[in-house]
Amino acid sequence: MNFPVSITFHGMDASDALRTQIDARIQRLGRFAADILACDIVVSASERRHHQGNRYNVHARVRLRDRDIEAGRARQPDASHEDPYVAMARTFDILRRRIEEHVRRRRGDVKAHTAGK
């Protein structure tokens, strides 16, 4: 990993275990795009009024040489994001798919549709 990484926690205590999981996911992103310049991750507790059942949001932004790619803006209405690890995994899955799509388009692997016959 040769690029700067910023991991920020809002509304919750910083977790070394979660930070380790995020670092591992960031390193895997390097396999899909070699030109990553920086990566910013924000993990936030969207609700703090419950003893359990609080939802978490993970927002990720990867800066490539020609574009910024983001994931995790929308909050999930279901209970699946009550675990910050699940929220992180879903955000990184979306981010990986978006990076793969961008790299395919940049290489020209996406076929252009021709006009009807």
PDB file of N, CA and C in Angstrom:
ATOM      1  N   MET A   1       0.849  -1.156   0.000  1.00  0.00           N
ATOM      2  CA  MET A   1       0.000   0.000   0.000  1.00  0.00           C
ATOM      3  C   MET A   1       0.903   1.230   0.000  1.00  0.00           C
ATOM      4  N   ASN A   2       0.968   1.931  -1.114  1.00  0.00           N
ATOM      5  CA  ASN A   2       1.859   3.077  -1.256  1.00  0.00           C
ATOM      6  C   ASN A   2       1.113   4.394  -1.273  1.00  0.00           C
ATOM      7  N   PHE A   3      -0.072   4.446  -0.732  1.00  0.00           N
ATOM      8  CA  PHE A   3      -0.862   5.662  -0.764  1.00  0.00           C
ATOM      9  C   PHE A   3      -1.347   5.975   0.650  1.00  0.00           C
ATOM     10  N   PRO A   4      -1.632   7.254   0.914  1.00  0.00           N
ATOM     11  CA  PRO A   4      -2.096   7.617   2.256  1.00  0.00           C
ATOM     12  C   PRO A   4      -3.517   7.112   2.527  1.00  0.00           C
ATOM     13  N   VAL A   5      -3.729   6.676   3.750  1.00  0.00           N
ATOM     14  CA  VAL A   5      -5.027   6.168   4.174  1.00  0.00           C
ATOM     15  C   VAL A   5      -5.446   6.931   5.433  1.00  0.00           C
ATOM     16  N   SER A   6      -6.681   7.402   5.441  1.00  0.00           N
ATOM     17  CA  SER A   6      -7.229   8.096   6.596  1.00  0.00           C
ATOM     18  C   SER A   6      -8.464   7.334   7.073  1.00  0.00           C
ATOM     19  N   ILE A   7      -8.449   6.895   8.330  1.00  0.00           N
ATOM     20  CA  ILE A   7      -9.593   6.206   8.924  1.00  0.00           C
ATOM     21  C   ILE A   7     -10.031   7.022  10.127  1.00  0.00           C
ATOM     22  N   THR A   8     -11.288   7.493  10.095  1.00  0.00           N
ATOM     23  CA  THR A   8     -11.817   8.357  11.137  1.00  0.00           C
ATOM     24  C   THR A   8     -13.057   7.723  11.744  1.00  0.00           C
ATOM     25  N   PHE A   9     -13.194   7.832  13.062  1.00  0.00           N
ATOM     26  CA  PHE A   9     -14.368   7.332  13.770  1.00  0.00           C
ATOM     27  C   PHE A   9     -15.133   8.524  14.335  1.00  0.00           C
ATOM     28  N   HIS A  10     -16.447   8.602  14.059  1.00  0.00           N
ATOM     29  CA  HIS A  10     -17.305   9.673  14.564  1.00  0.00           C
ATOM     30  C   HIS A  10     -18.414   9.082  15.420  1.00  0.00           C
ATOM     31  N   GLY A  11     -18.597   9.660  16.600  1.00  0.00           N
ATOM     32  CA  GLY A  11     -19.694   9.242  17.457  1.00  0.00           C
ATOM     33  C   GLY A  11     -19.510   7.875  18.077  1.00  0.00           C
ATOM     34  N   MET A  12     -18.315   7.367  18.069  1.00  0.00           N
ATOM     35  CA  MET A  12     -18.025   6.057  18.641  1.00  0.00           C
ATOM     36  C   MET A  12     -16.550   5.991  18.998  1.00  0.00           C
ATOM     37  N   ASP A  13     -16.200   5.028  19.820  1.00  0.00           N
ATOM     38  CA  ASP A  13     -14.799   4.838  20.179  1.00  0.00           C
ATOM     39  C   ASP A  13     -14.070   4.173  19.016  1.00  0.00           C
ATOM     40  N   ALA A  14     -12.818   4.558  18.828  1.00  0.00           N
ATOM     41  CA  ALA A  14     -12.007   3.942  17.779  1.00  0.00           C
ATOM     42  C   ALA A  14     -11.747   2.481  18.141  1.00  0.00           C
ATOM     43  N   SER A  15     -11.860   1.625  17.151  1.00  0.00           N
ATOM     44  CA  SER A  15     -11.671   0.193  17.359  1.00  0.00           C
ATOM     45  C   SER A  15     -10.465  -0.282  16.564  1.00  0.00           C
ATOM     46  N   ASP A  16      -9.477  -0.833  17.266  1.00  0.00           N
ATOM     47  CA  ASP A  16      -8.288  -1.338  16.580  1.00  0.00           C
ATOM     48  C   ASP A  16      -8.621  -2.545  15.707  1.00  0.00           C
ATOM     49  N   ALA A  17      -9.539  -3.387  16.164  1.00  0.00           N
ATOM     50  CA  ALA A  17      -9.928  -4.563  15.375  1.00  0.00           C
ATOM     51  C   ALA A  17     -10.618  -4.141  14.083  1.00  0.00           C
ATOM     52  N   LEU A  18     -11.516  -3.158  14.162  1.00  0.00           N
ATOM     53  CA  LEU A  18     -12.198  -2.669  12.968  1.00  0.00           C
ATOM     54  C   LEU A  18     -11.207  -1.971  12.039  1.00  0.00           C
ATOM     55  N   ARG A  19     -10.278  -1.228  12.619  1.00  0.00           N
ATOM     56  CA  ARG A  19      -9.243  -0.551  11.820  1.00  0.00           C
ATOM     57  C   ARG A  19      -8.392  -1.582  11.069  1.00  0.00           C
ATOM     58  N   THR A  20      -8.074  -2.697  11.703  1.00  0.00           N
ATOM     59  CA  THR A  20      -7.300  -3.759  11.051  1.00  0.00           C
ATOM     60  C   THR A  20      -8.074  -4.360   9.884  1.00  0.00           C
ATOM     61  N   GLN A  21      -9.377  -4.601  10.078  1.00  0.00           N
ATOM     62  CA  GLN A  21     -10.211  -5.138   9.004  1.00  0.00           C
ATOM     63  C   GLN A  21     -10.298  -4.157   7.834  1.00  0.00           C
ATOM     64  N   ILE A  22     -10.423  -2.874   8.141  1.00  0.00           N
ATOM     65  CA  ILE A  22     -10.489  -1.854   7.091  1.00  0.00           C
ATOM     66  C   ILE A  22      -9.174  -1.803   6.319  1.00  0.00           C
ATOM     67  N   ASP A  23      -8.048  -1.850   7.028  1.00  0.00           N
ATOM     68  CA  ASP A  23      -6.742  -1.855   6.354  1.00  0.00           C
ATOM     69  C   ASP A  23      -6.602  -3.041   5.405  1.00  0.00           C
ATOM     70  N   ALA A  24      -7.076  -4.203   5.839  1.00  0.00           N
ATOM     71  CA  ALA A  24      -7.002  -5.395   4.983  1.00  0.00           C
ATOM     72  C   ALA A  24      -7.848  -5.207   3.724  1.00  0.00           C
ATOM     73  N   ARG A  25      -9.036  -4.631   3.875  1.00  0.00           N
ATOM     74  CA  ARG A  25      -9.901  -4.391   2.715  1.00  0.00           C
ATOM     75  C   ARG A  25      -9.288  -3.366   1.769  1.00  0.00           C
ATOM     76  N   ILE A  26      -8.656  -2.349   2.315  1.00  0.00           N
ATOM     77  CA  ILE A  26      -8.017  -1.320   1.480  1.00  0.00           C
ATOM     78  C   ILE A  26      -6.880  -1.928   0.673  1.00  0.00           C
ATOM     79  N   GLN A  27      -6.090  -2.780   1.283  1.00  0.00           N
ATOM     80  CA  GLN A  27      -4.993  -3.425   0.564  1.00  0.00           C
ATOM     81  C   GLN A  27      -5.507  -4.271  -0.588  1.00  0.00           C
ATOM     82  N   ARG A  28      -6.659  -4.927  -0.396  1.00  0.00           N
ATOM     83  CA  ARG A  28      -7.242  -5.729  -1.474  1.00  0.00           C
ATOM     84  C   ARG A  28      -7.705  -4.864  -2.645  1.00  0.00           C
ATOM     85  N   LEU A  29      -8.106  -3.620  -2.365  1.00  0.00           N
ATOM     86  CA  LEU A  29      -8.539  -2.736  -3.451  1.00  0.00           C
ATOM     87  C   LEU A  29      -7.400  -2.454  -4.427  1.00  0.00           C
ATOM     88  N   GLY A  30      -6.172  -2.497  -3.947  1.00  0.00           N
ATOM     89  CA  GLY A  30      -5.018  -2.262  -4.800  1.00  0.00           C
ATOM     90  C   GLY A  30      -4.877  -3.276  -5.921  1.00  0.00           C
ATOM     91  N   ARG A  31      -5.500  -4.441  -5.772  1.00  0.00           N
ATOM     92  CA  ARG A  31      -5.457  -5.450  -6.843  1.00  0.00           C
ATOM     93  C   ARG A  31      -6.319  -5.047  -8.034  1.00  0.00           C
ATOM     94  N   PHE A  32      -7.331  -4.223  -7.788  1.00  0.00           N
ATOM     95  CA  PHE A  32      -8.269  -3.858  -8.844  1.00  0.00           C
ATOM     96  C   PHE A  32      -7.872  -2.576  -9.567  1.00  0.00           C
ATOM     97  N   ALA A  33      -7.156  -1.686  -8.886  1.00  0.00           N
ATOM     98  CA  ALA A  33      -6.695  -0.444  -9.503  1.00  0.00           C
ATOM     99  C   ALA A  33      -5.323  -0.116  -8.934  1.00  0.00           C
ATOM    100  N   ALA A  34      -4.341  -0.081  -9.804  1.00  0.00           N
ATOM    101  CA  ALA A  34      -2.969   0.171  -9.361  1.00  0.00           C
ATOM    102  C   ALA A  34      -2.686   1.655  -9.162  1.00  0.00           C
ATOM    103  N   ASP A  35      -3.597   2.520  -9.599  1.00  0.00           N
ATOM    104  CA  ASP A  35      -3.339   3.956  -9.551  1.00  0.00           C
ATOM    105  C   ASP A  35      -4.114   4.664  -8.437  1.00  0.00           C
ATOM    106  N   ILE A  36      -4.323   3.994  -7.311  1.00  0.00           N
ATOM    107  CA  ILE A  36      -4.988   4.631  -6.177  1.00  0.00           C
ATOM    108  C   ILE A  36      -4.032   5.639  -5.558  1.00  0.00           C
ATOM    109  N   LEU A  37      -4.516   6.874  -5.399  1.00  0.00           N
ATOM    110  CA  LEU A  37      -3.687   7.934  -4.830  1.00  0.00           C
ATOM    111  C   LEU A  37      -3.914   8.109  -3.329  1.00  0.00           C
ATOM    112  N   ALA A  38      -5.158   7.918  -2.874  1.00  0.00           N
ATOM    113  CA  ALA A  38      -5.483   8.080  -1.462  1.00  0.00           C
ATOM    114  C   ALA A  38      -6.800   7.387  -1.163  1.00  0.00           C
ATOM    115  N   CYS A  39      -7.011   7.105   0.120  1.00  0.00           N
ATOM    116  CA  CYS A  39      -8.247   6.461   0.543  1.00  0.00           C
ATOM    117  C   CYS A  39      -8.668   7.070   1.881  1.00  0.00           C
ATOM    118  N   ASP A  40      -9.920   7.548   1.942  1.00  0.00           N
ATOM    119  CA  ASP A  40     -10.467   8.141   3.159  1.00  0.00           C
ATOM    120  C   ASP A  40     -11.676   7.329   3.605  1.00  0.00           C
ATOM    121  N   ILE A  41     -11.677   6.904   4.873  1.00  0.00           N
ATOM    122  CA  ILE A  41     -12.761   6.105   5.426  1.00  0.00           C
ATOM    123  C   ILE A  41     -13.292   6.813   6.663  1.00  0.00           C
ATOM    124  N   VAL A  42     -14.623   6.931   6.756  1.00  0.00           N
ATOM    125  CA  VAL A  42     -15.261   7.498   7.942  1.00  0.00           C
ATOM    126  C   VAL A  42     -16.276   6.476   8.454  1.00  0.00           C
ATOM    127  N   VAL A  43     -16.075   6.047   9.694  1.00  0.00           N
ATOM    128  CA  VAL A  43     -17.000   5.121  10.350  1.00  0.00           C
ATOM    129  C   VAL A  43     -17.752   5.937  11.389  1.00  0.00           C
ATOM    130  N   SER A  44     -19.085   5.961  11.287  1.00  0.00           N
ATOM    131  CA  SER A  44     -19.856   6.776  12.219  1.00  0.00           C
ATOM    132  C   SER A  44     -21.039   5.997  12.771  1.00  0.00           C
ATOM    133  N   ALA A  45     -21.369   6.313  14.006  1.00  0.00           N
ATOM    134  CA  ALA A  45     -22.571   5.758  14.622  1.00  0.00           C
ATOM    135  C   ALA A  45     -23.706   6.708  14.270  1.00  0.00           C
ATOM    136  N   SER A  46     -24.689   6.219  13.523  1.00  0.00           N
ATOM    137  CA  SER A  46     -25.762   7.102  13.092  1.00  0.00           C
ATOM    138  C   SER A  46     -26.762   7.359  14.207  1.00  0.00           C
ATOM    139  N   GLU A  47     -26.840   6.474  15.158  1.00  0.00           N
ATOM    140  CA  GLU A  47     -27.754   6.638  16.286  1.00  0.00           C
ATOM    141  C   GLU A  47     -26.985   6.332  17.569  1.00  0.00           C
ATOM    142  N   ARG A  48     -27.264   7.094  18.601  1.00  0.00           N
ATOM    143  CA  ARG A  48     -26.595   6.839  19.873  1.00  0.00           C
ATOM    144  C   ARG A  48     -27.586   6.810  21.022  1.00  0.00           C
ATOM    145  N   ARG A  49     -28.844   6.595  20.740  1.00  0.00           N
ATOM    146  CA  ARG A  49     -29.836   6.677  21.803  1.00  0.00           C
ATOM    147  C   ARG A  49     -30.269   5.307  22.326  1.00  0.00           C
ATOM    148  N   HIS A  50     -29.717   4.244  21.814  1.00  0.00           N
ATOM    149  CA  HIS A  50     -30.102   2.901  22.233  1.00  0.00           C
ATOM    150  C   HIS A  50     -28.920   2.204  22.906  1.00  0.00           C
ATOM    151  N   HIS A  51     -29.229   1.260  23.787  1.00  0.00           N
ATOM    152  CA  HIS A  51     -28.164   0.431  24.354  1.00  0.00           C
ATOM    153  C   HIS A  51     -27.716  -0.609  23.344  1.00  0.00           C
ATOM    154  N   GLN A  52     -28.638  -1.044  22.518  1.00  0.00           N
ATOM    155  CA  GLN A  52     -28.308  -1.930  21.416  1.00  0.00           C
ATOM    156  C   GLN A  52     -29.205  -1.544  20.254  1.00  0.00           C
ATOM    157  N   GLY A  53     -28.822  -1.941  19.057  1.00  0.00           N
ATOM    158  CA  GLY A  53     -29.619  -1.607  17.890  1.00  0.00           C
ATOM    159  C   GLY A  53     -29.193  -0.319  17.220  1.00  0.00           C
ATOM    160  N   ASN A  54     -28.087   0.265  17.641  1.00  0.00           N
ATOM    161  CA  ASN A  54     -27.585   1.462  16.963  1.00  0.00           C
ATOM    162  C   ASN A  54     -27.091   1.081  15.580  1.00  0.00           C
ATOM    163  N   ARG A  55     -27.301   1.940  14.625  1.00  0.00           N
ATOM    164  CA  ARG A  55     -26.840   1.665  13.258  1.00  0.00           C
ATOM    165  C   ARG A  55     -25.536   2.401  13.008  1.00  0.00           C
ATOM    166  N   TYR A  56     -24.727   1.804  12.134  1.00  0.00           N
ATOM    167  CA  TYR A  56     -23.437   2.375  11.778  1.00  0.00           C
ATOM    168  C   TYR A  56     -23.406   2.659  10.287  1.00  0.00           C
ATOM    169  N   ASN A  57     -22.661   3.670   9.928  1.00  0.00           N
ATOM    170  CA  ASN A  57     -22.498   4.024   8.526  1.00  0.00           C
ATOM    171  C   ASN A  57     -21.002   4.099   8.238  1.00  0.00           C
ATOM    172  N   VAL A  58     -20.595   3.499   7.136  1.00  0.00           N
ATOM    173  CA  VAL A  58     -19.200   3.556   6.715  1.00  0.00           C
ATOM    174  C   VAL A  58     -19.177   4.236   5.353  1.00  0.00           C
ATOM    175  N   HIS A  59     -18.479   5.358   5.276  1.00  0.00           N
ATOM    176  CA  HIS A  59     -18.349   6.088   4.013  1.00  0.00           C
ATOM    177  C   HIS A  59     -16.903   5.962   3.558  1.00  0.00           C
ATOM    178  N   ALA A  60     -16.725   5.560   2.319  1.00  0.00           N
ATOM    179  CA  ALA A  60     -15.374   5.367   1.779  1.00  0.00           C
ATOM    180  C   ALA A  60     -15.215   6.176   0.502  1.00  0.00           C
ATOM    181  N   ARG A  61     -14.056   6.805   0.358  1.00  0.00           N
ATOM    182  CA  ARG A  61     -13.736   7.534  -0.875  1.00  0.00           C
ATOM    183  C   ARG A  61     -12.319   7.165  -1.294  1.00  0.00           C
ATOM    184  N   VAL A  62     -12.207   6.714  -2.542  1.00  0.00           N
ATOM    185  CA  VAL A  62     -10.907   6.352  -3.112  1.00  0.00           C
ATOM    186  C   VAL A  62     -10.608   7.348  -4.217  1.00  0.00           C
ATOM    187  N   ARG A  63      -9.433   7.935  -4.156  1.00  0.00           N
ATOM    188  CA  ARG A  63      -9.012   8.859  -5.199  1.00  0.00           C
ATOM    189  C   ARG A  63      -8.083   8.143  -6.167  1.00  0.00           C
ATOM    190  N   LEU A  64      -8.525   8.063  -7.417  1.00  0.00           N
ATOM    191  CA  LEU A  64      -7.699   7.522  -8.497  1.00  0.00           C
ATOM    192  C   LEU A  64      -7.104   8.696  -9.255  1.00  0.00           C
ATOM    193  N   ARG A  65      -6.233   8.420 -10.195  1.00  0.00           N
ATOM    194  CA  ARG A  65      -5.592   9.525 -10.916  1.00  0.00           C
ATOM    195  C   ARG A  65      -6.570  10.315 -11.777  1.00  0.00           C
ATOM    196  N   ASP A  66      -7.686   9.695 -12.170  1.00  0.00           N
ATOM    197  CA  ASP A  66      -8.614  10.394 -13.051  1.00  0.00           C
ATOM    198  C   ASP A  66     -10.024  10.531 -12.490  1.00  0.00           C
ATOM    199  N   ARG A  67     -10.262  10.030 -11.266  1.00  0.00           N
ATOM    200  CA  ARG A  67     -11.625  10.090 -10.734  1.00  0.00           C
ATOM    201  C   ARG A  67     -11.652   9.735  -9.254  1.00  0.00           C
ATOM    202  N   ASP A  68     -12.617  10.304  -8.523  1.00  0.00           N
ATOM    203  CA  ASP A  68     -12.894   9.897  -7.149  1.00  0.00           C
ATOM    204  C   ASP A  68     -14.078   8.945  -7.171  1.00  0.00           C
ATOM    205  N   ILE A  69     -13.980   7.866  -6.419  1.00  0.00           N
ATOM    206  CA  ILE A  69     -15.061   6.882  -6.341  1.00  0.00           C
ATOM    207  C   ILE A  69     -15.466   6.764  -4.876  1.00  0.00           C
ATOM    208  N   GLU A  70     -16.793   6.873  -4.625  1.00  0.00           N
ATOM    209  CA  GLU A  70     -17.307   6.845  -3.267  1.00  0.00           C
ATOM    210  C   GLU A  70     -18.333   5.742  -3.086  1.00  0.00           C
ATOM    211  N   ALA A  71     -18.493   5.321  -1.845  1.00  0.00           N
ATOM    212  CA  ALA A  71     -19.519   4.338  -1.484  1.00  0.00           C
ATOM    213  C   ALA A  71     -19.899   4.560  -0.032  1.00  0.00           C
ATOM    214  N   GLY A  72     -21.135   4.192   0.295  1.00  0.00           N
ATOM    215  CA  GLY A  72     -21.570   4.245   1.683  1.00  0.00           C
ATOM    216  C   GLY A  72     -22.235   5.524   2.100  1.00  0.00           C
ATOM    217  N   ARG A  73     -22.750   6.297   1.172  1.00  0.00           N
ATOM    218  CA  ARG A  73     -23.420   7.547   1.522  1.00  0.00           C
ATOM    219  C   ARG A  73     -24.794   7.313   2.145  1.00  0.00           C
ATOM    220  N   ALA A  74     -25.586   6.398   1.589  1.00  0.00           N
ATOM    221  CA  ALA A  74     -26.956   6.183   2.038  1.00  0.00           C
ATOM    222  C   ALA A  74     -26.992   5.317   3.297  1.00  0.00           C
ATOM    223  N   ARG A  75     -27.808   5.704   4.229  1.00  0.00           N
ATOM    224  CA  ARG A  75     -27.994   4.909   5.433  1.00  0.00           C
ATOM    225  C   ARG A  75     -28.971   3.780   5.131  1.00  0.00           C
ATOM    226  N   GLN A  76     -28.720   2.618   5.682  1.00  0.00           N
ATOM    227  CA  GLN A  76     -29.558   1.453   5.437  1.00  0.00           C
ATOM    228  C   GLN A  76     -30.692   1.412   6.462  1.00  0.00           C
ATOM    229  N   PRO A  77     -31.939   1.268   6.004  1.00  0.00           N
ATOM    230  CA  PRO A  77     -33.063   1.256   6.935  1.00  0.00           C
ATOM    231  C   PRO A  77     -33.220  -0.056   7.697  1.00  0.00           C
ATOM    232  N   ASP A  78     -32.585  -1.125   7.245  1.00  0.00           N
ATOM    233  CA  ASP A  78     -32.760  -2.415   7.906  1.00  0.00           C
ATOM    234  C   ASP A  78     -31.788  -2.565   9.079  1.00  0.00           C
ATOM    235  N   ALA A  79     -31.912  -3.651   9.788  1.00  0.00           N
ATOM    236  CA  ALA A  79     -31.104  -3.886  10.980  1.00  0.00           C
ATOM    237  C   ALA A  79     -29.719  -4.428  10.678  1.00  0.00           C
ATOM    238  N   SER A  80     -29.387  -4.623   9.411  1.00  0.00           N
ATOM    239  CA  SER A  80     -28.101  -5.238   9.079  1.00  0.00           C
ATOM    240  C   SER A  80     -26.916  -4.354   9.443  1.00  0.00           C
ATOM    241  N   HIS A  81     -27.124  -3.061   9.528  1.00  0.00           N
ATOM    242  CA  HIS A  81     -26.013  -2.171   9.846  1.00  0.00           C
ATOM    243  C   HIS A  81     -25.899  -1.887  11.339  1.00  0.00           C
ATOM    244  N   GLU A  82     -26.472  -2.767  12.155  1.00  0.00           N
ATOM    245  CA  GLU A  82     -26.285  -2.653  13.591  1.00  0.00           C
ATOM    246  C   GLU A  82     -24.910  -3.167  13.995  1.00  0.00           C
ATOM    247  N   ASP A  83     -24.238  -3.828  13.085  1.00  0.00           N
ATOM    248  CA  ASP A  83     -22.878  -4.321  13.300  1.00  0.00           C
ATOM    249  C   ASP A  83     -21.946  -3.506  12.406  1.00  0.00           C
ATOM    250  N   PRO A  84     -20.966  -2.802  12.962  1.00  0.00           N
ATOM    251  CA  PRO A  84     -20.089  -1.978  12.127  1.00  0.00           C
ATOM    252  C   PRO A  84     -19.266  -2.803  11.130  1.00  0.00           C
ATOM    253  N   TYR A  85     -19.012  -4.070  11.439  1.00  0.00           N
ATOM    254  CA  TYR A  85     -18.255  -4.925  10.525  1.00  0.00           C
ATOM    255  C   TYR A  85     -19.079  -5.250   9.277  1.00  0.00           C
ATOM    256  N   VAL A  86     -20.383  -5.449   9.452  1.00  0.00           N
ATOM    257  CA  VAL A  86     -21.261  -5.705   8.310  1.00  0.00           C
ATOM    258  C   VAL A  86     -21.367  -4.447   7.455  1.00  0.00           C
ATOM    259  N   ALA A  87     -21.515  -3.290   8.098  1.00  0.00           N
ATOM    260  CA  ALA A  87     -21.585  -2.027   7.362  1.00  0.00           C
ATOM    261  C   ALA A  87     -20.304  -1.803   6.573  1.00  0.00           C
ATOM    262  N   MET A  88     -19.160  -2.107   7.181  1.00  0.00           N
ATOM    263  CA  MET A  88     -17.872  -1.947   6.506  1.00  0.00           C
ATOM    264  C   MET A  88     -17.758  -2.897   5.321  1.00  0.00           C
ATOM    265  N   ALA A  89     -18.149  -4.149   5.504  1.00  0.00           N
ATOM    266  CA  ALA A  89     -18.044  -5.138   4.430  1.00  0.00           C
ATOM    267  C   ALA A  89     -18.917  -4.752   3.240  1.00  0.00           C
ATOM    268  N   ARG A  90     -20.140  -4.314   3.513  1.00  0.00           N
ATOM    269  CA  ARG A  90     -21.028  -3.907   2.415  1.00  0.00           C
ATOM    270  C   ARG A  90     -20.490  -2.694   1.673  1.00  0.00           C
ATOM    271  N   THR A  91     -19.980  -1.725   2.398  1.00  0.00           N
ATOM    272  CA  THR A  91     -19.428  -0.533   1.762  1.00  0.00           C
ATOM    273  C   THR A  91     -18.244  -0.894   0.874  1.00  0.00           C
ATOM    274  N   PHE A  92     -17.359  -1.752   1.354  1.00  0.00           N
ATOM    275  CA  PHE A  92     -16.196  -2.125   0.558  1.00  0.00           C
ATOM    276  C   PHE A  92     -16.560  -3.002  -0.630  1.00  0.00           C
ATOM    277  N   ASP A  93     -17.610  -3.804  -0.502  1.00  0.00           N
ATOM    278  CA  ASP A  93     -18.074  -4.582  -1.665  1.00  0.00           C
ATOM    279  C   ASP A  93     -18.580  -3.647  -2.765  1.00  0.00           C
ATOM    280  N   ILE A  94     -19.349  -2.643  -2.378  1.00  0.00           N
ATOM    281  CA  ILE A  94     -19.852  -1.664  -3.352  1.00  0.00           C
ATOM    282  C   ILE A  94     -18.691  -0.891  -3.963  1.00  0.00           C
ATOM    283  N   LEU A  95     -17.755  -0.465  -3.127  1.00  0.00           N
ATOM    284  CA  LEU A  95     -16.597   0.288  -3.602  1.00  0.00           C
ATOM    285  C   LEU A  95     -15.772  -0.529  -4.589  1.00  0.00           C
ATOM    286  N   ARG A  96     -15.548  -1.806  -4.284  1.00  0.00           N
ATOM    287  CA  ARG A  96     -14.786  -2.673  -5.184  1.00  0.00           C
ATOM    288  C   ARG A  96     -15.473  -2.808  -6.536  1.00  0.00           C
ATOM    289  N   ARG A  97     -16.796  -3.007  -6.523  1.00  0.00           N
ATOM    290  CA  ARG A  97     -17.523  -3.126  -7.794  1.00  0.00           C
ATOM    291  C   ARG A  97     -17.433  -1.834  -8.608  1.00  0.00           C
ATOM    292  N   ARG A  98     -17.519  -0.698  -7.945  1.00  0.00           N
ATOM    293  CA  ARG A  98     -17.422   0.577  -8.657  1.00  0.00           C
ATOM    294  C   ARG A  98     -16.029   0.798  -9.233  1.00  0.00           C
ATOM    295  N   ILE A  99     -15.018   0.404  -8.509  1.00  0.00           N
ATOM    296  CA  ILE A  99     -13.644   0.530  -9.011  1.00  0.00           C
ATOM    297  C   ILE A  99     -13.446  -0.399 -10.204  1.00  0.00           C
ATOM    298  N   GLU A 100     -13.907  -1.648 -10.089  1.00  0.00           N
ATOM    299  CA  GLU A 100     -13.786  -2.583 -11.215  1.00  0.00           C
ATOM    300  C   GLU A 100     -14.483  -2.044 -12.452  1.00  0.00           C
ATOM    301  N   GLU A 101     -15.683  -1.506 -12.288  1.00  0.00           N
ATOM    302  CA  GLU A 101     -16.434  -0.947 -13.409  1.00  0.00           C
ATOM    303  C   GLU A 101     -15.684   0.214 -14.050  1.00  0.00           C
ATOM    304  N   HIS A 102     -15.125   1.099 -13.226  1.00  0.00           N
ATOM    305  CA  HIS A 102     -14.385   2.245 -13.751  1.00  0.00           C
ATOM    306  C   HIS A 102     -13.147   1.789 -14.525  1.00  0.00           C
ATOM    307  N   VAL A 103     -12.433   0.819 -13.983  1.00  0.00           N
ATOM    308  CA  VAL A 103     -11.225   0.324 -14.650  1.00  0.00           C
ATOM    309  C   VAL A 103     -11.584  -0.358 -15.972  1.00  0.00           C
ATOM    310  N   ARG A 104     -12.685  -1.103 -16.002  1.00  0.00           N
ATOM    311  CA  ARG A 104     -13.130  -1.731 -17.261  1.00  0.00           C
ATOM    312  C   ARG A 104     -13.470  -0.672 -18.307  1.00  0.00           C
ATOM    313  N   ARG A 105     -14.176   0.362 -17.907  1.00  0.00           N
ATOM    314  CA  ARG A 105     -14.517   1.432 -18.861  1.00  0.00           C
ATOM    315  C   ARG A 105     -13.273   2.156 -19.348  1.00  0.00           C
ATOM    316  N   ARG A 106     -12.352   2.380 -18.447  1.00  0.00           N
ATOM    317  CA  ARG A 106     -11.123   3.087 -18.819  1.00  0.00           C
ATOM    318  C   ARG A 106     -10.300   2.273 -19.811  1.00  0.00           C
ATOM    319  N   ARG A 107     -10.292   0.955 -19.652  1.00  0.00           N
ATOM    320  CA  ARG A 107      -9.562   0.091 -20.588  1.00  0.00           C
ATOM    321  C   ARG A 107     -10.303  -0.093 -21.902  1.00  0.00           C
ATOM    322  N   GLY A 108     -11.591   0.224 -21.909  1.00  0.00           N
ATOM    323  CA  GLY A 108     -12.380   0.043 -23.123  1.00  0.00           C
ATOM    324  C   GLY A 108     -13.000  -1.336 -23.212  1.00  0.00           C
ATOM    325  N   ASP A 109     -13.103  -2.047 -22.096  1.00  0.00           N
ATOM    326  CA  ASP A 109     -13.681  -3.386 -22.104  1.00  0.00           C
ATOM    327  C   ASP A 109     -15.207  -3.375 -22.179  1.00  0.00           C
ATOM    328  N   VAL A 110     -15.831  -2.228 -21.924  1.00  0.00           N
ATOM    329  CA  VAL A 110     -17.282  -2.129 -21.973  1.00  0.00           C
ATOM    330  C   VAL A 110     -17.691  -1.891 -23.407  1.00  0.00           C
ATOM    331  N   LYS A 111     -18.571  -2.739 -23.917  1.00  0.00           N
ATOM    332  CA  LYS A 111     -18.991  -2.614 -25.302  1.00  0.00           C
ATOM    333  C   LYS A 111     -19.986  -1.469 -25.473  1.00  0.00           C
ATOM    334  N   ALA A 112     -19.824  -0.763 -26.548  1.00  0.00           N
ATOM    335  CA  ALA A 112     -20.767   0.313 -26.863  1.00  0.00           C
ATOM    336  C   ALA A 112     -21.931  -0.272 -27.639  1.00  0.00           C
ATOM    337  N   HIS A 113     -23.131   0.164 -27.344  1.00  0.00           N
ATOM    338  CA  HIS A 113     -24.314  -0.314 -28.063  1.00  0.00           C
ATOM    339  C   HIS A 113     -24.430   0.423 -29.394  1.00  0.00           C
ATOM    340  N   THR A 114     -24.712  -0.316 -30.436  1.00  0.00           N
ATOM    341  CA  THR A 114     -24.887   0.306 -31.745  1.00  0.00           C
ATOM    342  C   THR A 114     -26.352   0.615 -31.970  1.00  0.00           C
ATOM    343  N   ALA A 115     -26.628   1.530 -32.880  1.00  0.00           N
ATOM    344  CA  ALA A 115     -27.998   1.891 -33.186  1.00  0.00           C
ATOM    345  C   ALA A 115     -28.709   0.694 -33.818  1.00  0.00           C
ATOM    346  N   GLY A 116     -30.033   0.652 -33.678  1.00  0.00           N
ATOM    347  CA  GLY A 116     -30.825  -0.467 -34.206  1.00  0.00           C
ATOM    348  C   GLY A 116     -30.626  -0.659 -35.710  1.00  0.00           C
ATOM    349  N   LYS A 117     -30.954  -1.847 -36.185  1.00  0.00           N
ATOM    350  CA  LYS A 117     -30.726  -2.205 -37.597  1.00  0.00           C
ATOM    351  C   LYS A 117     -31.730  -1.587 -38.501  1.00  0.00           C
TER     352      LYS A 117
END
